[in-house]
Amino acid sequence: MKTALQQAFARLEELHPSLFDIHTEKGRTFVNEFSKFLEVEREQIILSHINGQSEFDTKEYRDYNKELANAYYNLTFKSE
């Protein structure tokens, strides 16, 4: 499964492959500028997962839950 943003970038790459050509200045600039939004989306998904599980509000639980949230993200939204 891909996130909406991952799907948008996949479709954009199909339509405009030159934007993702890291061997050109245009491609490097595009990838560097917009890849940070994938990381922002990742953090938002993880934080929402953690916040949804906050009934056990201890530091140990939050740390453990962050590991679980990271695993959840990686398993669910791993790029294909």
Protein backbone atom coordinates (compact mmCIF):
# COMPACT_ATOMS: atom_id res chain seq x y z
CA MET A 1 0.00 0.00 0.00
CA LYS A 2 1.24 3.48 -0.81
CA THR A 3 0.30 6.73 0.86
CA ALA A 4 -1.52 9.32 -1.21
CA LEU A 5 1.70 11.32 -1.56
CA GLN A 6 3.65 8.24 -2.68
CA GLN A 7 0.94 7.53 -5.26
CA ALA A 8 1.08 11.12 -6.49
CA PHE A 9 4.86 10.95 -6.92
CA ALA A 10 4.63 7.58 -8.68
CA ARG A 11 2.10 8.99 -11.14
CA LEU A 12 4.14 12.14 -11.60
CA GLU A 13 7.19 10.01 -12.38
CA GLU A 14 5.18 8.14 -15.03
CA LEU A 15 4.00 11.38 -16.63
CA HIS A 16 7.24 13.39 -16.27
CA PRO A 17 10.21 11.03 -15.85
CA SER A 18 12.73 13.82 -16.46
CA LEU A 19 11.77 15.33 -13.09
CA PHE A 20 13.20 12.25 -11.36
CA ASP A 21 16.41 11.97 -13.43
CA ILE A 22 19.06 12.60 -10.79
CA HIS A 23 21.72 12.80 -13.52
CA THR A 24 20.43 16.25 -14.46
CA GLU A 25 20.40 19.45 -12.44
CA LYS A 26 16.62 19.73 -12.91
CA GLY A 27 16.07 16.21 -11.59
CA ARG A 28 18.39 16.59 -8.58
CA THR A 29 16.74 19.87 -7.66
CA PHE A 30 13.25 18.39 -7.93
CA VAL A 31 14.06 15.24 -5.93
CA ASN A 32 15.93 17.17 -3.22
CA GLU A 33 13.20 19.78 -2.91
CA PHE A 34 10.19 17.47 -2.78
CA SER A 35 11.51 14.32 -1.11
CA LYS A 36 11.36 16.13 2.23
CA PHE A 37 7.55 16.07 1.98
CA LEU A 38 7.62 12.27 2.05
CA GLU A 39 9.49 12.47 5.36
CA VAL A 40 6.97 15.01 6.71
CA GLU A 41 4.12 12.68 5.74
CA ARG A 42 5.92 9.74 7.38
CA GLU A 43 6.31 11.67 10.63
CA GLN A 44 2.65 12.71 10.57
CA ILE A 45 1.50 9.13 10.12
CA ILE A 46 3.73 7.91 12.94
CA LEU A 47 2.66 10.70 15.29
CA SER A 48 -1.01 10.10 14.62
CA HIS A 49 -0.50 6.41 15.32
CA ILE A 50 1.26 7.23 18.60
CA ASN A 51 -1.37 9.78 19.62
CA GLY A 52 -4.12 7.30 18.92
CA GLN A 53 -2.50 4.88 21.35
CA SER A 54 -1.93 7.32 24.23
CA GLU A 55 -4.01 5.61 26.92
CA PHE A 56 -0.77 4.37 28.51
CA ASP A 57 0.99 7.70 28.81
CA THR A 58 4.40 6.75 30.17
CA LYS A 59 7.79 7.51 28.61
CA GLU A 60 8.57 3.80 28.27
CA TYR A 61 5.28 3.17 26.52
CA ARG A 62 5.75 6.17 24.19
CA ASP A 63 9.25 4.97 23.25
CA TYR A 64 7.98 1.43 22.67
CA ASN A 65 4.98 2.73 20.76
CA LYS A 66 7.24 4.87 18.55
CA GLU A 67 9.10 1.70 17.56
CA LEU A 68 5.76 0.04 16.80
CA ALA A 69 4.59 3.07 14.82
CA ASN A 70 7.80 3.05 12.76
CA ALA A 71 7.35 -0.66 12.08
CA TYR A 72 3.70 -0.06 11.16
CA TYR A 73 4.69 2.67 8.70
CA ASN A 74 7.46 0.60 7.14
CA LEU A 75 5.26 -2.44 6.70
CA THR A 76 2.18 -0.58 5.51
CA PHE A 77 3.61 2.15 3.32
CA LYS A 78 6.87 0.67 2.08
CA SER A 79 7.61 1.96 -1.40
CA GLU A 80 7.33 -0.68 -4.06
